[in-house]
N, C-alpha and C. Protein backbone atom coordinates (compact mmCIF):
# COMPACT_ATOMS: atom_id res chain seq x y z
N MET A 1 -16.70 3.77 28.30
CA MET A 1 -16.71 3.29 27.08
C MET A 1 -16.34 1.79 27.23
N GLY A 2 -15.39 1.31 28.17
CA GLY A 2 -15.41 -0.16 28.36
C GLY A 2 -14.98 -0.90 27.06
N ASP A 3 -15.71 -2.10 26.92
CA ASP A 3 -15.43 -2.86 25.66
C ASP A 3 -15.71 -2.28 24.33
N ALA A 4 -16.62 -1.38 24.34
CA ALA A 4 -16.91 -0.62 22.92
C ALA A 4 -15.68 0.22 22.62
N GLY A 5 -14.93 0.77 23.52
CA GLY A 5 -13.77 1.55 23.24
C GLY A 5 -12.75 0.46 22.63
N GLN A 6 -12.51 -0.58 23.32
CA GLN A 6 -11.44 -1.51 22.82
C GLN A 6 -11.90 -2.10 21.42
N ASP A 7 -13.02 -2.39 21.16
CA ASP A 7 -13.53 -2.90 19.73
C ASP A 7 -13.35 -1.78 18.85
N PHE A 8 -13.64 -0.49 19.21
CA PHE A 8 -13.43 0.65 18.16
C PHE A 8 -12.03 0.88 17.78
N PHE A 9 -10.98 0.64 18.48
CA PHE A 9 -9.61 1.05 18.12
C PHE A 9 -8.82 -0.23 18.43
N GLU A 10 -7.95 -0.47 17.45
CA GLU A 10 -7.22 -1.69 17.55
C GLU A 10 -5.68 -1.38 17.09
N ASN A 11 -4.63 -1.52 17.78
CA ASN A 11 -3.37 -1.33 17.26
C ASN A 11 -2.93 -2.30 16.38
N VAL A 12 -2.37 -1.92 15.26
CA VAL A 12 -1.99 -3.05 14.18
C VAL A 12 -0.54 -2.46 13.67
N GLN A 13 0.42 -3.67 13.27
CA GLN A 13 1.52 -3.34 12.71
C GLN A 13 1.63 -4.10 11.34
N PHE A 14 2.49 -3.40 10.45
CA PHE A 14 2.77 -3.99 9.07
C PHE A 14 4.15 -3.85 8.70
N THR A 15 4.78 -4.76 8.05
CA THR A 15 6.25 -4.73 7.70
C THR A 15 6.20 -3.92 6.22
N GLU A 16 7.51 -3.61 5.92
CA GLU A 16 7.72 -2.88 4.65
C GLU A 16 7.40 -3.73 3.53
N ASN A 17 6.53 -3.14 2.57
CA ASN A 17 6.03 -3.90 1.39
C ASN A 17 4.82 -4.80 1.63
N GLU A 18 4.11 -4.67 2.95
CA GLU A 18 3.07 -5.49 3.20
C GLU A 18 1.96 -4.84 2.82
N VAL A 19 0.96 -5.59 2.04
CA VAL A 19 -0.36 -4.97 1.71
C VAL A 19 -1.29 -4.92 2.92
N ILE A 20 -1.62 -3.47 3.25
CA ILE A 20 -2.69 -3.33 4.31
C ILE A 20 -3.74 -3.71 3.95
N PHE A 21 -4.33 -3.35 2.64
CA PHE A 21 -5.50 -3.77 1.98
C PHE A 21 -5.41 -3.62 0.52
N ASP A 22 -6.19 -4.40 -0.19
CA ASP A 22 -5.98 -4.50 -1.68
C ASP A 22 -7.30 -3.98 -2.31
N GLU A 23 -6.97 -3.39 -3.45
CA GLU A 23 -8.07 -2.81 -4.40
C GLU A 23 -9.20 -3.93 -4.59
N GLY A 24 -10.43 -3.58 -4.34
CA GLY A 24 -11.56 -4.37 -4.66
C GLY A 24 -11.94 -5.12 -3.48
N GLN A 25 -11.11 -5.36 -2.43
CA GLN A 25 -11.57 -5.96 -1.15
C GLN A 25 -12.70 -5.30 -0.40
N PRO A 26 -13.45 -6.08 0.19
CA PRO A 26 -14.44 -5.38 1.12
C PRO A 26 -13.91 -4.48 2.22
N GLY A 27 -14.31 -3.42 2.39
CA GLY A 27 -13.67 -2.58 3.45
C GLY A 27 -14.09 -3.06 4.70
N ASP A 28 -13.14 -3.36 5.66
CA ASP A 28 -13.50 -3.85 7.13
C ASP A 28 -12.98 -2.80 8.19
N GLY A 29 -12.47 -1.54 7.68
CA GLY A 29 -12.19 -0.57 8.59
C GLY A 29 -11.25 0.41 7.91
N ALA A 30 -10.92 1.49 8.81
CA ALA A 30 -9.95 2.63 8.53
C ALA A 30 -8.93 2.51 9.30
N TYR A 31 -7.81 3.07 8.85
CA TYR A 31 -6.44 2.91 9.65
C TYR A 31 -5.81 4.37 9.89
N MET A 32 -5.42 4.79 11.12
CA MET A 32 -4.73 6.01 11.45
C MET A 32 -3.40 5.71 11.44
N ILE A 33 -2.55 6.16 10.64
CA ILE A 33 -1.15 5.86 10.58
C ILE A 33 -0.37 6.53 11.91
N THR A 34 0.16 5.98 12.76
CA THR A 34 0.68 6.60 13.68
C THR A 34 2.37 6.66 13.71
N SER A 35 2.88 5.80 12.92
CA SER A 35 4.37 5.83 12.47
C SER A 35 4.50 5.01 10.96
N GLY A 36 5.45 5.39 10.21
CA GLY A 36 5.73 4.84 9.19
C GLY A 36 5.00 5.54 7.77
N THR A 37 5.20 4.94 6.62
CA THR A 37 4.62 5.44 5.43
C THR A 37 3.89 4.38 4.63
N VAL A 38 2.95 4.87 3.92
CA VAL A 38 1.99 4.14 3.20
C VAL A 38 1.76 4.64 1.85
N ALA A 39 1.77 3.84 0.73
CA ALA A 39 1.56 4.27 -0.49
C ALA A 39 0.08 3.75 -0.88
N ILE A 40 -0.71 4.74 -1.49
CA ILE A 40 -2.11 4.39 -2.00
C ILE A 40 -1.88 4.02 -3.36
N ARG A 41 -2.25 2.96 -4.04
CA ARG A 41 -1.97 2.63 -5.25
C ARG A 41 -3.11 2.03 -6.00
N LYS A 42 -3.32 2.48 -7.25
CA LYS A 42 -4.54 2.05 -8.05
C LYS A 42 -3.88 1.13 -9.23
N GLY A 43 -4.52 -0.09 -9.32
CA GLY A 43 -4.07 -0.95 -10.52
C GLY A 43 -2.82 -1.65 -10.27
N VAL A 44 -2.49 -2.01 -9.05
CA VAL A 44 -1.33 -2.70 -8.66
C VAL A 44 -1.14 -4.12 -9.29
N ARG A 45 -2.23 -4.88 -9.64
CA ARG A 45 -2.24 -6.14 -10.21
C ARG A 45 -2.22 -5.96 -11.73
N GLY A 46 -2.33 -4.81 -12.28
CA GLY A 46 -2.35 -4.71 -13.73
C GLY A 46 -0.98 -4.28 -14.27
N SER A 47 -0.83 -3.85 -15.51
CA SER A 47 0.39 -3.59 -16.20
C SER A 47 0.66 -2.02 -16.07
N ASN A 48 -0.27 -1.27 -15.44
CA ASN A 48 0.01 0.23 -15.40
C ASN A 48 -0.53 0.73 -14.11
N PRO A 49 0.21 0.32 -12.95
CA PRO A 49 -0.11 0.88 -11.72
C PRO A 49 0.05 2.39 -11.48
N HIS A 50 -0.70 3.09 -10.70
CA HIS A 50 -0.50 4.48 -10.20
C HIS A 50 -0.42 4.60 -8.82
N THR A 51 0.55 5.38 -8.52
CA THR A 51 0.61 5.78 -6.92
C THR A 51 -0.08 7.07 -6.93
N LEU A 52 -1.36 6.97 -6.09
CA LEU A 52 -2.14 8.10 -5.90
C LEU A 52 -1.57 9.04 -4.74
N ALA A 53 -1.01 8.46 -3.62
CA ALA A 53 -0.55 9.19 -2.54
C ALA A 53 0.49 8.46 -1.80
N ASP A 54 1.32 9.23 -1.24
CA ASP A 54 2.21 8.59 -0.14
C ASP A 54 1.81 9.42 1.18
N LEU A 55 1.56 8.56 2.10
CA LEU A 55 0.87 9.08 3.53
C LEU A 55 1.72 8.62 4.65
N GLY A 56 1.66 9.49 5.66
CA GLY A 56 2.45 9.23 6.76
C GLY A 56 1.55 9.53 8.07
N LYS A 57 2.36 9.65 9.10
CA LYS A 57 1.85 9.91 10.51
C LYS A 57 0.79 10.95 10.46
N GLY A 58 -0.31 10.64 11.09
CA GLY A 58 -1.56 11.41 11.28
C GLY A 58 -2.42 11.22 10.18
N GLU A 59 -2.22 10.65 8.97
CA GLU A 59 -3.05 10.42 7.92
C GLU A 59 -3.97 9.28 8.15
N ILE A 60 -5.11 9.21 7.51
CA ILE A 60 -6.18 8.21 7.64
C ILE A 60 -6.23 7.52 6.38
N ILE A 61 -6.19 6.26 6.21
CA ILE A 61 -6.45 5.49 5.06
C ILE A 61 -7.66 4.48 5.11
N GLY A 62 -8.36 4.29 4.08
CA GLY A 62 -9.50 3.37 4.02
C GLY A 62 -10.70 4.07 4.57
N GLU A 63 -10.88 5.25 4.90
CA GLU A 63 -12.05 5.83 5.46
C GLU A 63 -13.30 5.87 4.59
N MET A 64 -13.16 5.75 3.45
CA MET A 64 -14.42 5.81 2.50
C MET A 64 -15.18 4.26 2.75
N ALA A 65 -14.51 3.18 3.11
CA ALA A 65 -15.18 2.01 3.43
C ALA A 65 -16.00 2.15 4.74
N LEU A 66 -15.55 3.09 5.70
CA LEU A 66 -16.40 3.34 6.87
C LEU A 66 -17.84 3.86 6.54
N ALA A 67 -17.82 4.69 5.58
CA ALA A 67 -19.01 5.55 5.28
C ALA A 67 -19.95 4.75 4.40
N ASP A 68 -19.49 3.95 3.31
CA ASP A 68 -20.64 3.41 2.64
C ASP A 68 -20.34 1.93 2.28
N GLY A 69 -19.43 1.28 2.89
CA GLY A 69 -19.23 -0.12 2.84
C GLY A 69 -18.98 -0.68 1.45
N SER A 70 -18.55 0.13 0.35
CA SER A 70 -18.21 -0.30 -0.84
C SER A 70 -16.74 -0.97 -0.84
N PRO A 71 -16.42 -1.71 -1.73
CA PRO A 71 -15.16 -2.12 -1.87
C PRO A 71 -14.08 -1.09 -2.03
N ARG A 72 -12.86 -1.66 -1.57
CA ARG A 72 -11.72 -0.58 -1.57
C ARG A 72 -11.22 -0.16 -3.02
N MET A 73 -11.11 1.32 -3.14
CA MET A 73 -10.88 1.81 -4.50
C MET A 73 -9.58 1.59 -4.79
N ALA A 74 -8.56 1.44 -3.84
CA ALA A 74 -7.15 1.37 -4.23
C ALA A 74 -6.45 0.49 -3.16
N ALA A 75 -5.21 -0.03 -3.45
CA ALA A 75 -4.60 -0.74 -2.45
C ALA A 75 -3.75 0.30 -1.53
N ALA A 76 -3.44 -0.12 -0.39
CA ALA A 76 -2.64 0.44 0.58
C ALA A 76 -1.51 -0.54 0.86
N VAL A 77 -0.22 0.08 0.69
CA VAL A 77 0.99 -0.92 0.68
C VAL A 77 1.91 0.00 1.75
N ALA A 78 2.41 -0.74 2.74
CA ALA A 78 3.27 -0.18 3.62
C ALA A 78 4.74 0.11 2.80
N THR A 79 5.13 1.18 2.89
CA THR A 79 6.45 1.53 2.19
C THR A 79 7.59 1.70 3.31
N SER A 80 7.37 1.27 4.44
CA SER A 80 8.32 1.18 5.61
C SER A 80 7.49 0.38 6.70
N GLU A 81 8.12 0.12 7.77
CA GLU A 81 7.35 -0.37 8.99
C GLU A 81 6.29 0.57 9.36
N VAL A 82 5.12 -0.07 9.53
CA VAL A 82 3.98 0.78 9.93
C VAL A 82 3.38 0.51 11.18
N ILE A 83 2.95 1.35 11.94
CA ILE A 83 2.15 1.17 13.24
C ILE A 83 0.95 2.03 13.00
N ALA A 84 -0.34 1.37 13.01
CA ALA A 84 -1.60 2.04 12.81
C ALA A 84 -2.56 1.85 13.91
N ILE A 85 -3.56 2.54 13.88
CA ILE A 85 -4.80 2.28 14.72
C ILE A 85 -5.73 2.03 13.76
N LYS A 86 -6.39 0.73 13.88
CA LYS A 86 -7.52 0.35 13.06
C LYS A 86 -8.84 0.70 13.76
N ILE A 87 -9.80 1.20 12.89
CA ILE A 87 -11.25 1.60 13.37
C ILE A 87 -12.04 0.61 12.59
N SER A 88 -12.67 -0.18 13.24
CA SER A 88 -13.69 -1.25 12.50
C SER A 88 -14.86 -0.61 12.01
N CYS A 89 -15.29 -1.12 10.85
CA CYS A 89 -16.57 -0.59 10.29
C CYS A 89 -17.65 -0.85 11.20
N GLU A 90 -17.74 -1.98 11.87
CA GLU A 90 -18.92 -2.34 12.74
C GLU A 90 -19.12 -1.25 13.84
N ALA A 91 -17.96 -0.95 14.52
CA ALA A 91 -18.10 -0.11 15.71
C ALA A 91 -18.28 1.30 15.12
N PHE A 92 -17.76 1.73 14.12
CA PHE A 92 -17.79 3.09 13.43
C PHE A 92 -19.50 3.31 13.23
N ASN A 93 -19.99 2.13 12.54
CA ASN A 93 -21.38 2.24 12.10
C ASN A 93 -22.35 2.35 13.43
N GLN A 94 -21.94 1.58 14.47
CA GLN A 94 -22.60 1.77 15.75
C GLN A 94 -22.64 3.13 16.12
N ARG A 95 -21.43 3.79 16.00
CA ARG A 95 -21.33 5.17 16.60
C ARG A 95 -22.19 6.11 15.73
N LEU A 96 -22.23 5.77 14.44
CA LEU A 96 -22.67 6.65 13.34
C LEU A 96 -24.20 6.79 13.70
N GLU A 97 -24.82 5.63 14.08
CA GLU A 97 -26.28 5.35 14.22
C GLU A 97 -26.65 6.29 15.53
N THR A 98 -25.79 6.71 16.30
CA THR A 98 -26.06 7.61 17.40
C THR A 98 -26.09 9.19 16.97
N MET A 99 -25.51 9.38 15.82
CA MET A 99 -25.66 10.82 15.30
C MET A 99 -27.05 11.21 14.67
N ASP A 100 -27.18 12.59 14.75
CA ASP A 100 -28.44 13.05 14.12
C ASP A 100 -28.71 12.42 12.59
N PRO A 101 -29.93 12.02 12.32
CA PRO A 101 -30.08 11.50 10.92
C PRO A 101 -29.70 12.39 9.70
N THR A 102 -29.91 13.67 9.99
CA THR A 102 -29.22 14.70 8.88
C THR A 102 -27.91 14.74 8.76
N MET A 103 -27.18 14.56 9.83
CA MET A 103 -25.73 14.43 9.73
C MET A 103 -25.22 13.17 9.25
N GLN A 104 -25.99 12.09 9.51
CA GLN A 104 -25.69 10.82 8.78
C GLN A 104 -25.81 10.82 7.32
N ALA A 105 -26.82 11.54 6.77
CA ALA A 105 -27.16 11.58 5.52
C ALA A 105 -25.94 12.46 4.68
N ILE A 106 -25.85 13.59 5.35
CA ILE A 106 -24.74 14.56 4.84
C ILE A 106 -23.55 13.69 4.63
N MET A 107 -22.93 13.07 5.69
CA MET A 107 -21.71 12.32 5.59
C MET A 107 -21.70 11.36 4.45
N ARG A 108 -22.81 10.67 4.49
CA ARG A 108 -22.75 9.71 3.39
C ARG A 108 -22.65 10.11 1.96
N LEU A 109 -23.50 11.33 1.87
CA LEU A 109 -23.57 11.96 0.68
C LEU A 109 -22.28 12.47 0.17
N MET A 110 -21.57 13.08 1.11
CA MET A 110 -20.16 13.45 0.82
C MET A 110 -19.16 12.49 0.38
N MET A 111 -19.14 11.27 1.18
CA MET A 111 -18.42 10.18 0.80
C MET A 111 -18.68 9.69 -0.65
N LYS A 112 -19.90 9.60 -0.96
CA LYS A 112 -20.30 9.19 -2.33
C LYS A 112 -19.77 10.17 -3.31
N ARG A 113 -19.74 11.34 -3.13
CA ARG A 113 -19.39 12.44 -4.09
C ARG A 113 -17.87 12.26 -4.38
N VAL A 114 -17.09 12.00 -3.12
CA VAL A 114 -15.71 11.86 -3.26
C VAL A 114 -15.29 10.53 -3.99
N ARG A 115 -16.02 9.48 -3.71
CA ARG A 115 -15.92 8.24 -4.46
C ARG A 115 -15.96 8.42 -5.92
N ASN A 116 -17.19 9.28 -6.32
CA ASN A 116 -17.45 9.46 -7.61
C ASN A 116 -16.36 10.33 -8.41
N MET A 117 -15.70 11.29 -7.78
CA MET A 117 -14.75 12.01 -8.15
C MET A 117 -13.50 11.35 -8.44
N VAL A 118 -13.07 10.41 -7.52
CA VAL A 118 -11.94 9.57 -7.63
C VAL A 118 -12.19 8.50 -8.93
N ASN A 119 -13.31 7.95 -9.02
CA ASN A 119 -13.53 7.16 -10.10
C ASN A 119 -13.51 7.83 -11.38
N GLU A 120 -14.00 9.18 -11.53
CA GLU A 120 -13.99 9.99 -12.73
C GLU A 120 -12.49 10.18 -12.97
N PHE A 121 -11.83 10.74 -12.14
CA PHE A 121 -10.38 10.93 -12.30
C PHE A 121 -9.60 9.78 -12.83
N MET A 122 -9.69 8.69 -12.02
CA MET A 122 -9.12 7.44 -12.55
C MET A 122 -9.48 6.87 -14.04
N GLY A 123 -10.70 7.16 -14.29
CA GLY A 123 -11.08 6.91 -15.71
C GLY A 123 -10.51 7.79 -16.66
N ARG A 124 -10.31 8.91 -16.43
CA ARG A 124 -9.62 9.89 -17.33
C ARG A 124 -8.14 9.59 -17.34
N ALA A 125 -7.52 9.24 -16.14
CA ALA A 125 -6.06 8.85 -16.17
C ALA A 125 -5.76 7.57 -16.89
N ALA A 126 -6.78 6.68 -16.97
CA ALA A 126 -6.55 5.58 -17.73
C ALA A 126 -6.99 5.73 -19.16
N GLY A 127 -7.36 6.73 -19.60
CA GLY A 127 -7.64 7.09 -20.96
C GLY A 127 -9.13 6.93 -21.43
N GLY A 128 -9.96 6.74 -20.46
CA GLY A 128 -11.29 6.51 -20.55
C GLY A 128 -11.99 7.89 -20.68
N HIS A 129 -13.42 7.89 -20.71
CA HIS A 129 -14.20 9.11 -21.02
C HIS A 129 -14.48 9.83 -19.74
């Protein structure tokens, strides 16, 4: 694996209340939490923020950015000191390209459907249609 393995995984640390990534930011990778806790929040900059999930060790955050390159759907905020392993989009996509094209298409379709479901749910929660 050599250098590619080093580029694929990066150990990162965050302090309590630090924003790991913000809603609307371009996704630059995903993070696997190895210690600490993270809140996934929608609308943190507005008047009616929602906590979607509280996650901890072994959970992965930001994974949808890996699949489709869309902006972050929510913010991730460290609710304690957090240590995580970052997986860069670039390295992920390089590895994805080595997969069977049918599996690539299935994975991208699944992520698109999950993203659409979350958008629909958040629209309902905000009083939309």
